[in-house]
Structures are given as C-alpha cells and as structure tokens.
Amino acid sequence: MSLSLILLNDTLRLHDNPLLQLPAETKAALVVLDYQAFFGTQYGIARANLSRLQQQLAVITNLKQQLAAYNIGLITLVGDRVQLISELARNLNATTLYCAEPVAPDERKALSELSAVLSVTQLDCNSLLGEPLRPRLSRLPDSFTPFRKQLEPLLRVSPPNNTLLPAEGWLNASLCEPYNSAFEQLVMQYQPALLQRVASEQDALTRVAKFIWQGRHILTYKETRNQLLGQHYASFCSAPLALGTLSVRQLWQHIVQFEQDIAANDSTYWLKFELLWREFFRWQFRKYRDRWFSRQGIKQAMQGQPDFSPPRLSAMQRNNFKRWCTGQTGIDFIDANMQLLNKTGLMSNRGRQNVASYLIYDLGVDWRLGAAYFEQRLLDYDCASNWGNWAYIAGCGNSSARRFNIEKQAQMYDADGSFVRAILQSSAR
C-alpha cells in the first residue's frame, strides 16, 4: 500500500485543518523547517532572527505534542524542502503529497519541483475565499476597494471545517522519531529562549476568546486600532494567522457569531475589513507571484520586464539604513517604533506605516530593504502582507505613493509623548 505525505508547514493546528481530515489511508504527518527561510539571507540581510526561529521551533513542538495525544507522529525535518521531501518519499514509498496551497513564490516553486516526483494536491487552508468562492485571478482587481465591493454587502466566506480529527491511518510517533534528529538538535540548542512569545493554537484561541467574547474589546477596535502600545488595542491574531496556528475562517466565524449574538458596530466590521485586506494581498501574490520582489514591484510588472537587481545604496544611504534598523535616526517617533520592533518582534500598524514612509521618502532607501528587515524581525511575518504593504507605501504595489508627515503623525497618535518616553527610556536603562 502506498503512503501519503501530509505537509503541515502552513497549518500548524488541529482545528479547521483540512489536511488532517483526509480519507483514511496510510499517512505521515510532516513539517519541514526550510533552512534558507530561517538561516539564509536576502540583500545581505538575515531572513530571520533568533526570536523568529525560536517561535517557529516552539509552535512545531507544540503541534507535535497535540498530535501525539491522538497517537499521531510528526516527522520534523530541517533543510531544503524539495530535497528532504523527495528523499522521505523514497524512504517511505510515498507517492502523493498533500499540502496547503501557498502564497510565497519560493514555496510555489518548491511544490512545482516536487510534482515531478510526487502527485501533489494543494488545499487552500488559509484563505477566506476557498472553493467554491475562489476568485478568478484574471478578473482580480488590482485595487482593494473594487475587490471589497465585489464581495460586499452580501459577503460570504468559506466555513471552517470542525470535523473531529480521525486518528486512523497515521504513522505513530515511534515510526516518525528516526527522522527527527536534526530538528531535535535545533530545539536543544535554542530551547532556553522558547519563552512566552509562542503563538500556539491554544494561545491563539485563548486570545480570540478574551478579545472578542470575554473582554468584548472588539466593540471598540476601530477607536483603539491606531494606538501604539497596550494589551487590548488590537486582536494580536496576526502572528498565529501568519504561522497557521489559527484559522482565518474560524476567526471570521467568531466575529460573525459575536455580531449575531451580542452586537455589531463599526468596530466589529473593521476587524473583518482588515481580514479582507489580508485576503486581498494573498490573491494579489498569487496573481503576480515573484514580480512583487522587483524594484518597481507590480507597477514594473504591468509596464514591462521586472527588475530583480539588488538594491544599490550610496555610503550615506547605507548609514541611514543602519540607523533606521537600530532605531538611531534622531527622530523619536521613528526610533521608538523601531526599538520596539527590535525588542519585541511586533509593531502597531500605525507604527509600521510611519517607519516605512520615513525609510523610503525621508532617507531615500530602496523599499525592499525595509521589507527584508521586517521579514527578519516580525514575529507575525507574513509574506504577502509584509511585502504587499511595503510596496503599497512605496507606490510600487496597489496604490500610488503614500508619504506620511512624521511630525504630524506623532502629534496625532502620541500627542503627550508617552509612547516615545516609554520605549526610549526603557531602552536607555
């Protein structure tokens, strides 16, 4: 009997995970920590820092423990995904691979290469608009408002699959462990800092319950979303959504159920509105693929051949970029946001827009370097949302250029300077 490999890289959860609901057969659950994604570089910038690596190790370990409760083993590999999955398929006599349909171009390329040795089936596990609501890329608007208006006011999204996990047919832990040595070595090496920033499925669902149901903070979200610090000004679901430990369809269902059972207002709508932005960028990346990484983004794609040449900086620009990265520009509002990012791996949406604008327009640095630095630092790094939003600010994506008046923004969103003082004073200690 042939065996199927079930790649769980983008669905590190039990709930609403179609990959765990496949018909009973011989199956092996698998996660590959892609070496280049966590130890490689782009434009001379490391693609991930220690905190992002530790978070990834933690959520994979957590999933392994969750599956073990169902007597399901998890094979955890470290290296090149194409090479490792091909070798594993030969060792286990596997003929098929099931996985989540990716957004990032490098992941799509890897699956294309794997299709030469395996029958690959992709399931869209992380979009709001799965089958049969999937939009046609040829008709996909290149601006958000027309995209939103196509869906509203009678917006339907794909429902989550809450079927209980079938335990039969899976390789158990003892059969999977011989493949896990490289991953376990990484866990042992970096475990001391696998601390509290773990966006596991349990933590994500607890956060959803507190933000929406218990504290009802969702009712004031539109008023609080531009704050820069705090425990409840945002949902803080971006990291588990990016990691795949939280289902976006399940989150959407919670919001709709809250609106039906408790209350609906501009704030409850606004959280759905921002999830639509996330959805928009996912489909835009599927439409334009690697052209998002060209110098002029998709604007270049529309006009001719993309320019993938690396950013070129003068000595002054290199120094400016270094000062921006370290939060030493001399502009307190920018420095506080960057130091917060470096310390915590997170930054408010308002902060992200401002530091991006400052790097691009005030310091004259190629936007792709900022996007690459965010990729390294953000614990909620999501390929489409990160690169799409940077291109958006730079005028290379789905909008014209968006330059911010940093002094005015600081007056509007940190009028008393409390945010700047809190961050810069703590950094000075």
Protein backbone atom coordinates (compact mmCIF):
# COMPACT_ATOMS: atom_id res chain seq x y z
CA MET A 1 0.00 0.00 0.00
CA SER A 2 1.35 3.43 -0.94
CA LEU A 3 1.73 6.17 1.63
CA SER A 4 0.74 9.85 1.52
CA LEU A 5 2.83 12.64 2.96
CA ILE A 6 0.81 15.37 4.68
CA LEU A 7 2.86 18.58 4.80
CA LEU A 8 1.62 20.76 7.67
CA ASN A 9 4.04 23.69 7.29
CA ASP A 10 1.33 26.33 6.89
CA THR A 11 -1.34 24.65 9.04
CA LEU A 12 0.24 24.10 12.44
CA ARG A 13 -3.11 23.49 14.13
CA LEU A 14 -5.79 20.88 14.80
CA HIS A 15 -8.92 22.98 14.28
CA ASP A 16 -10.18 23.73 10.77
CA ASN A 17 -7.31 21.88 9.16
CA PRO A 18 -8.48 20.07 6.00
CA LEU A 19 -5.13 18.31 5.76
CA LEU A 20 -5.99 16.37 8.92
CA GLN A 21 -9.41 15.40 7.56
CA LEU A 22 -8.25 13.39 4.56
CA PRO A 23 -9.78 9.94 3.98
CA ALA A 24 -8.35 7.06 5.96
CA GLU A 25 -5.23 5.61 4.34
CA THR A 26 -1.60 5.30 5.32
CA LYS A 27 -0.42 8.83 6.06
CA ALA A 28 2.63 10.52 7.54
CA ALA A 29 2.37 13.98 9.08
CA LEU A 30 5.33 16.15 8.14
CA VAL A 31 6.82 19.59 8.80
CA VAL A 32 9.95 20.92 7.09
CA LEU A 33 11.85 23.81 8.64
CA ASP A 34 13.27 25.29 5.45
CA TYR A 35 16.90 26.18 6.11
CA GLN A 36 17.05 29.12 3.71
CA ALA A 37 13.92 30.71 5.17
CA PHE A 38 15.43 30.82 8.67
CA PHE A 39 19.21 30.80 8.13
CA GLY A 40 19.56 32.32 4.66
CA THR A 41 19.99 35.96 3.62
CA GLN A 42 18.50 38.37 1.09
CA TYR A 43 20.18 41.62 0.07
CA GLY A 44 22.78 40.80 2.74
CA ILE A 45 20.10 40.74 5.48
CA ALA A 46 19.39 37.61 7.51
CA ARG A 47 15.92 36.33 6.66
CA ALA A 48 15.06 35.54 10.27
CA ASN A 49 16.43 36.47 13.67
CA LEU A 50 16.71 34.28 16.74
CA SER A 51 13.24 35.16 18.06
CA ARG A 52 11.52 34.12 14.82
CA LEU A 53 13.44 30.85 14.77
CA GLN A 54 12.59 30.15 18.41
CA GLN A 55 8.92 30.89 17.79
CA GLN A 56 8.85 28.51 14.82
CA LEU A 57 10.53 25.74 16.81
CA ALA A 58 8.06 26.29 19.63
CA VAL A 59 4.89 26.09 17.53
CA ILE A 60 6.13 22.99 15.69
CA THR A 61 6.96 21.34 19.01
CA ASN A 62 3.52 22.28 20.30
CA LEU A 63 1.82 20.73 17.27
CA LYS A 64 3.87 17.58 17.75
CA GLN A 65 2.56 17.32 21.31
CA GLN A 66 -1.02 17.94 20.19
CA LEU A 67 -0.83 15.19 17.56
CA ALA A 68 0.80 12.78 19.99
CA ALA A 69 -2.38 12.92 22.08
CA TYR A 70 -4.10 11.25 19.11
CA ASN A 71 -1.25 8.74 18.66
CA ILE A 72 -0.16 10.58 15.51
CA GLY A 73 3.54 11.08 14.93
CA LEU A 74 5.08 14.14 13.31
CA ILE A 75 8.15 13.96 11.12
CA THR A 76 10.19 17.17 11.54
CA LEU A 77 12.95 17.84 9.02
CA VAL A 78 15.45 20.69 8.65
CA GLY A 79 17.00 21.73 5.33
CA ASP A 80 15.93 22.08 1.70
CA ARG A 81 12.26 21.15 1.42
CA VAL A 82 12.46 19.71 -2.11
CA GLN A 83 15.44 17.51 -1.35
CA LEU A 84 14.15 16.35 2.03
CA ILE A 85 10.61 15.57 0.90
CA SER A 86 11.92 13.72 -2.17
CA GLU A 87 14.23 11.60 -0.01
CA LEU A 88 11.50 10.93 2.53
CA ALA A 89 9.12 9.86 -0.22
CA ARG A 90 11.66 7.31 -1.44
CA ASN A 91 12.31 6.00 2.08
CA LEU A 92 8.62 5.61 2.89
CA ASN A 93 7.48 4.57 -0.59
CA ALA A 94 5.22 7.63 -0.70
CA THR A 95 3.51 8.53 -3.96
CA THR A 96 1.39 11.53 -3.01
CA LEU A 97 1.85 14.80 -1.16
CA TYR A 98 -0.96 16.86 0.33
CA CYS A 99 -0.26 20.41 1.48
CA ALA A 100 -1.75 23.87 1.97
CA GLU A 101 -1.77 26.00 -1.17
CA PRO A 102 1.00 28.53 -0.58
CA VAL A 103 1.25 32.22 -1.37
CA ALA A 104 5.01 32.82 -1.27
CA PRO A 105 6.70 32.31 -4.68
CA ASP A 106 9.54 30.17 -3.28
CA GLU A 107 7.03 27.76 -1.75
CA ARG A 108 5.11 27.57 -5.03
CA LYS A 109 8.36 26.85 -6.87
CA ALA A 110 9.23 24.05 -4.46
CA LEU A 111 5.86 22.37 -4.97
CA SER A 112 6.28 22.64 -8.73
CA GLU A 113 9.62 20.83 -8.45
CA LEU A 114 8.12 18.18 -6.17
CA SER A 115 5.35 17.49 -8.65
CA ALA A 116 7.99 15.81 -10.82
CA VAL A 117 8.40 13.03 -8.24
CA LEU A 118 5.09 13.05 -6.36
CA SER A 119 1.42 13.56 -7.06
CA VAL A 120 0.88 16.92 -5.33
CA THR A 121 -2.55 18.03 -4.12
CA GLN A 122 -2.89 21.56 -2.72
CA LEU A 123 -5.78 22.54 -0.47
CA ASP A 124 -6.48 26.19 0.25
CA CYS A 125 -6.49 26.02 4.04
CA ASN A 126 -5.70 29.63 4.96
CA SER A 127 -7.85 31.89 2.77
CA LEU A 128 -11.28 33.28 3.49
CA LEU A 129 -12.30 32.53 -0.08
CA GLY A 130 -11.76 28.84 -0.66
CA GLU A 131 -13.70 26.67 -3.05
CA PRO A 132 -16.25 27.43 -4.46
CA LEU A 133 -15.77 31.14 -3.63
CA ARG A 134 -12.28 31.27 -5.09
CA PRO A 135 -11.81 34.42 -7.22
CA ARG A 136 -10.52 34.23 -10.77
CA LEU A 137 -7.06 35.75 -10.96
CA SER A 138 -7.73 37.09 -14.46
CA ARG A 139 -10.60 39.16 -13.05
CA LEU A 140 -8.98 40.09 -9.76
CA PRO A 141 -8.96 43.89 -9.25
CA ASP A 142 -5.57 45.45 -8.57
CA SER A 143 -7.04 47.87 -6.04
CA PHE A 144 -8.55 46.94 -2.70
CA THR A 145 -11.78 48.93 -2.88
CA PRO A 146 -13.08 47.25 -6.07
CA PHE A 147 -12.07 43.88 -4.58
CA ARG A 148 -14.04 44.63 -1.41
CA LYS A 149 -17.05 45.91 -3.33
CA GLN A 150 -17.15 42.71 -5.37
CA LEU A 151 -17.71 40.83 -2.11
CA GLU A 152 -19.88 43.22 -0.12
CA PRO A 153 -22.52 43.74 1.11
CA LEU A 154 -23.52 40.05 0.95
CA LEU A 155 -20.08 38.79 1.88
CA ARG A 156 -19.77 35.04 2.19
CA VAL A 157 -16.61 33.22 3.22
CA SER A 158 -15.78 29.53 3.30
CA PRO A 159 -16.91 27.95 6.58
CA PRO A 160 -14.36 26.30 8.89
CA ASN A 161 -14.22 22.51 8.99
CA ASN A 162 -14.76 21.46 12.59
CA THR A 163 -14.92 17.72 11.99
CA LEU A 164 -13.15 15.71 14.69
CA LEU A 165 -9.65 14.57 13.83
CA PRO A 166 -9.64 10.97 12.52
CA ALA A 167 -6.86 9.05 14.26
CA GLU A 168 -6.65 6.06 11.94
CA GLY A 169 -4.11 5.59 9.19
CA TRP A 170 -1.31 7.78 10.57
CA LEU A 171 2.24 6.76 11.30
CA ASN A 172 2.72 6.88 15.06
CA ALA A 173 5.42 8.73 16.97
CA SER A 174 7.80 5.78 17.23
CA LEU A 175 7.85 5.38 13.44
CA CYS A 176 8.45 9.11 12.92
CA GLU A 177 11.16 9.72 15.53
CA PRO A 178 14.10 8.32 13.49
CA TYR A 179 13.70 11.26 11.10
CA ASN A 180 13.64 13.99 13.75
CA SER A 181 17.24 14.25 14.97
CA ALA A 182 18.17 17.48 13.14
CA PHE A 183 15.06 19.26 14.42
CA GLU A 184 15.56 18.00 17.97
CA GLN A 185 19.13 19.28 17.90
CA LEU A 186 17.85 22.74 16.99
CA VAL A 187 15.32 22.61 19.82
CA MET A 188 18.04 21.62 22.29
CA GLN A 189 20.32 24.39 21.01
CA TYR A 190 17.77 27.21 21.20
CA GLN A 191 15.34 25.97 23.85
CA PRO A 192 16.46 28.34 26.65
CA ALA A 193 14.63 31.18 24.91
CA LEU A 194 11.48 29.28 23.85
CA LEU A 195 9.70 31.51 26.30
CA GLN A 196 6.39 33.33 26.21
CA ARG A 197 6.07 34.56 22.63
CA VAL A 198 4.54 31.29 21.49
CA ALA A 199 1.62 31.78 19.11
CA SER A 200 0.41 28.21 19.59
CA GLU A 201 -3.12 27.19 18.68
CA GLN A 202 -4.19 27.10 22.34
CA ASP A 203 -2.73 30.57 22.99
CA ALA A 204 -4.37 31.95 19.84
CA LEU A 205 -7.81 30.59 20.71
CA THR A 206 -7.48 31.93 24.25
CA ARG A 207 -6.62 35.36 22.83
CA VAL A 208 -9.63 35.27 20.49
CA ALA A 209 -11.90 34.38 23.40
CA LYS A 210 -10.55 37.23 25.54
CA PHE A 211 -10.55 39.88 22.81
CA ILE A 212 -13.95 39.08 21.34
CA TRP A 213 -16.08 37.32 23.93
CA GLN A 214 -14.79 37.93 27.46
CA GLY A 215 -13.43 41.48 27.29
CA ARG A 216 -15.54 42.50 24.27
CA HIS A 217 -12.63 44.67 23.16
CA ILE A 218 -13.75 44.13 19.59
CA LEU A 219 -16.55 46.65 20.22
CA THR A 220 -14.02 49.49 20.48
CA TYR A 221 -11.49 48.21 17.94
CA LYS A 222 -11.98 50.98 15.39
CA GLU A 223 -11.16 53.57 18.07
CA THR A 224 -8.17 51.71 19.56
CA ARG A 225 -6.51 50.24 16.45
CA ASN A 226 -4.25 53.26 15.94
CA GLN A 227 -2.75 53.03 19.41
CA LEU A 228 0.93 52.16 19.66
CA LEU A 229 1.05 50.14 22.89
CA GLY A 230 -1.33 48.22 25.10
CA GLN A 231 -2.84 44.81 25.78
CA HIS A 232 -6.19 45.14 24.03
CA TYR A 233 -5.92 47.83 21.34
CA ALA A 234 -5.63 45.11 18.68
CA SER A 235 -6.63 41.48 18.35
CA PHE A 236 -2.98 40.32 18.20
CA CYS A 237 -4.07 37.48 15.93
CA SER A 238 -1.59 38.39 13.19
CA ALA A 239 1.16 36.06 14.42
CA PRO A 240 -0.96 32.90 14.72
CA LEU A 241 -2.62 33.70 11.38
CA ALA A 242 0.80 34.04 9.76
CA LEU A 243 2.09 30.85 11.37
CA GLY A 244 -1.03 28.89 10.52
CA THR A 245 -1.80 28.09 14.15
CA LEU A 246 -5.09 29.99 13.85
CA SER A 247 -7.62 29.55 11.05
CA VAL A 248 -8.75 32.82 9.49
CA ARG A 249 -12.10 31.22 8.72
CA GLN A 250 -12.52 30.27 12.36
CA LEU A 251 -11.64 33.83 13.46
CA TRP A 252 -14.14 35.24 10.95
CA GLN A 253 -16.80 32.88 12.30
CA HIS A 254 -16.18 34.16 15.84
CA ILE A 255 -16.69 37.74 14.70
CA VAL A 256 -19.90 36.95 12.81
CA GLN A 257 -21.24 34.91 15.73
CA PHE A 258 -20.47 37.79 18.11
CA GLU A 259 -22.29 40.21 15.81
CA GLN A 260 -25.32 37.93 15.76
CA ASP A 261 -25.36 37.12 19.48
CA ILE A 262 -24.05 40.28 21.17
CA ALA A 263 -23.64 43.36 18.97
CA ALA A 264 -22.47 44.58 15.60
CA ASN A 265 -20.94 48.01 15.05
CA ASP A 266 -18.26 49.79 13.04
CA SER A 267 -15.55 48.15 15.14
CA THR A 268 -16.68 44.58 14.58
CA TYR A 269 -16.89 45.36 10.88
CA TRP A 270 -13.43 46.90 10.91
CA LEU A 271 -11.74 43.74 12.09
CA LYS A 272 -13.39 41.90 9.20
CA PHE A 273 -12.35 44.76 6.92
CA GLU A 274 -8.70 44.20 7.87
CA LEU A 275 -9.01 40.47 7.34
CA LEU A 276 -10.23 41.33 3.84
CA TRP A 277 -7.04 43.34 3.33
CA ARG A 278 -5.07 40.24 4.29
CA GLU A 279 -7.13 38.23 1.81
CA PHE A 280 -6.60 40.81 -0.93
CA PHE A 281 -2.82 40.62 -0.64
CA ARG A 282 -2.90 36.81 -0.69
CA TRP A 283 -4.69 36.77 -4.03
CA GLN A 284 -2.51 39.56 -5.39
CA PHE A 285 0.55 37.45 -4.64
CA ARG A 286 -0.98 34.50 -6.43
CA LYS A 287 -1.65 36.76 -9.40
CA TYR A 288 1.76 38.48 -9.72
CA ARG A 289 3.99 35.98 -7.89
CA ASP A 290 7.70 36.85 -7.81
CA ARG A 291 7.15 40.18 -9.57
CA TRP A 292 6.37 41.57 -6.11
CA PHE A 293 10.10 41.42 -5.37
CA SER A 294 11.18 43.53 -8.33
CA ARG A 295 12.47 47.08 -7.85
CA GLN A 296 9.22 48.65 -9.04
CA GLY A 297 7.00 45.90 -7.66
CA ILE A 298 3.93 45.06 -9.69
CA LYS A 299 3.94 48.52 -11.28
CA GLN A 300 7.03 47.37 -13.17
CA ALA A 301 5.21 44.11 -13.91
CA MET A 302 2.41 46.00 -15.59
CA GLN A 303 4.82 48.07 -17.69
CA GLY A 304 7.40 45.51 -18.80
CA GLN A 305 10.10 43.21 -17.55
CA PRO A 306 10.65 43.16 -13.78
CA ASP A 307 13.94 44.36 -12.35
CA PHE A 308 15.22 41.92 -9.74
CA SER A 309 18.64 43.53 -9.37
CA PRO A 310 19.53 44.02 -5.70
CA PRO A 311 19.20 47.41 -4.02
CA ARG A 312 22.10 49.77 -4.64
CA LEU A 313 22.95 52.22 -1.86
CA SER A 314 25.38 55.09 -1.53
CA ALA A 315 27.54 55.28 1.59
CA MET A 316 25.10 57.81 3.06
CA GLN A 317 22.11 55.57 2.32
CA ARG A 318 23.85 52.59 3.92
CA ASN A 319 24.44 54.63 7.04
CA ASN A 320 20.85 55.86 7.03
CA PHE A 321 19.56 52.32 6.70
CA LYS A 322 21.73 51.13 9.59
CA ARG A 323 20.49 53.97 11.82
CA TRP A 324 16.89 53.18 10.84
CA CYS A 325 17.32 49.48 11.66
CA THR A 326 18.76 50.21 15.09
CA GLY A 327 16.32 53.00 15.94
CA GLN A 328 19.02 55.69 15.99
CA THR A 329 17.73 58.15 13.37
CA GLY A 330 17.26 61.02 15.83
CA ILE A 331 13.51 61.15 15.09
CA ASP A 332 11.98 59.95 18.36
CA PHE A 333 8.71 58.66 16.91
CA ILE A 334 10.58 56.54 14.35
CA ASP A 335 13.25 55.39 16.80
CA ALA A 336 10.72 54.31 19.43
CA ASN A 337 8.81 52.20 16.93
CA MET A 338 11.98 50.57 15.58
CA GLN A 339 13.36 49.86 19.03
CA LEU A 340 10.02 48.31 19.99
CA LEU A 341 10.24 46.09 16.90
CA ASN A 342 13.79 45.04 17.71
CA LYS A 343 12.91 44.26 21.31
CA THR A 344 9.55 42.52 20.90
CA GLY A 345 9.19 41.45 17.26
CA LEU A 346 5.95 43.43 16.98
CA MET A 347 4.87 46.92 15.96
CA SER A 348 1.48 48.56 15.58
CA ASN A 349 0.05 49.08 12.12
CA ARG A 350 0.32 52.84 12.59
CA GLY A 351 3.98 52.48 13.50
CA ARG A 352 4.71 50.24 10.52
CA GLN A 353 3.30 52.74 8.06
CA ASN A 354 5.31 55.59 9.53
CA VAL A 355 8.68 53.86 9.71
CA ALA A 356 8.19 52.56 6.16
CA SER A 357 7.39 56.02 4.84
CA TYR A 358 10.37 57.52 6.66
CA LEU A 359 12.82 54.96 5.26
CA ILE A 360 11.58 55.32 1.69
CA TYR A 361 10.93 59.06 1.39
CA ASP A 362 12.98 60.76 4.09
CA LEU A 363 16.05 58.51 3.93
CA GLY A 364 15.79 57.56 0.24
CA VAL A 365 16.37 53.83 0.77
CA ASP A 366 15.05 51.09 -1.53
CA TRP A 367 11.76 49.83 -0.05
CA ARG A 368 12.80 46.20 -0.48
CA LEU A 369 15.47 46.59 2.20
CA GLY A 370 12.82 47.70 4.68
CA ALA A 371 10.60 44.77 3.75
CA ALA A 372 13.55 42.40 4.15
CA TYR A 373 14.38 43.80 7.59
CA PHE A 374 10.75 43.43 8.67
CA GLU A 375 10.83 39.83 7.42
CA GLN A 376 13.78 39.21 9.71
CA ARG A 377 12.24 40.82 12.77
CA LEU A 378 8.45 40.44 12.74
CA LEU A 379 7.02 37.59 14.78
CA ASP A 380 3.87 37.97 12.67
CA TYR A 381 5.80 37.92 9.38
CA ASP A 382 3.51 37.01 6.51
CA CYS A 383 4.99 37.13 3.01
CA ALA A 384 2.03 38.67 1.18
CA SER A 385 1.02 41.14 3.90
CA ASN A 386 4.57 42.30 4.59
CA TRP A 387 5.82 42.75 1.03
CA GLY A 388 2.43 43.89 -0.23
CA ASN A 389 2.16 46.62 2.39
CA TRP A 390 5.73 47.84 1.83
CA ALA A 391 5.09 48.05 -1.92
CA TYR A 392 1.83 49.86 -1.14
CA ILE A 393 3.61 52.61 0.82
CA ALA A 394 6.32 52.85 -1.85
CA GLY A 395 3.79 53.25 -4.67
CA CYS A 396 5.02 50.02 -6.25
CA GLY A 397 2.01 47.92 -5.36
CA ASN A 398 -1.72 48.50 -5.20
CA SER A 399 -1.72 52.27 -4.72
CA SER A 400 0.07 55.48 -5.50
CA ALA A 401 2.93 56.52 -3.22
CA ARG A 402 1.92 57.02 0.42
CA ARG A 403 4.20 59.51 2.14
CA PHE A 404 3.48 60.33 5.78
CA ASN A 405 4.19 63.57 7.62
CA ILE A 406 6.03 62.02 10.57
CA GLU A 407 5.81 65.09 12.81
CA LYS A 408 2.07 65.37 12.25
CA GLN A 409 1.59 61.62 12.81
CA ALA A 410 3.49 61.81 16.10
CA GLN A 411 1.26 64.70 17.22
CA MET A 412 -1.89 62.80 16.26
CA TYR A 413 -1.04 59.42 17.77
CA ASP A 414 1.43 60.24 20.56
CA ALA A 415 0.49 63.80 21.44
CA ASP A 416 1.74 63.60 25.03
CA GLY A 417 4.87 61.66 24.07
CA SER A 418 4.02 58.80 26.41
CA PHE A 419 4.80 56.11 23.83
CA VAL A 420 8.16 57.60 22.91
CA ARG A 421 9.14 58.04 26.56
CA ALA A 422 8.08 54.50 27.50
CA ILE A 423 10.17 52.90 24.77
CA LEU A 424 13.22 55.15 24.66
CA GLN A 425 13.59 55.36 28.43
CA SER A 426 13.35 51.58 28.79
CA SER A 427 15.96 51.16 26.06
CA ALA A 428 18.29 53.60 27.80
CA ARG A 429 18.32 51.58 31.03
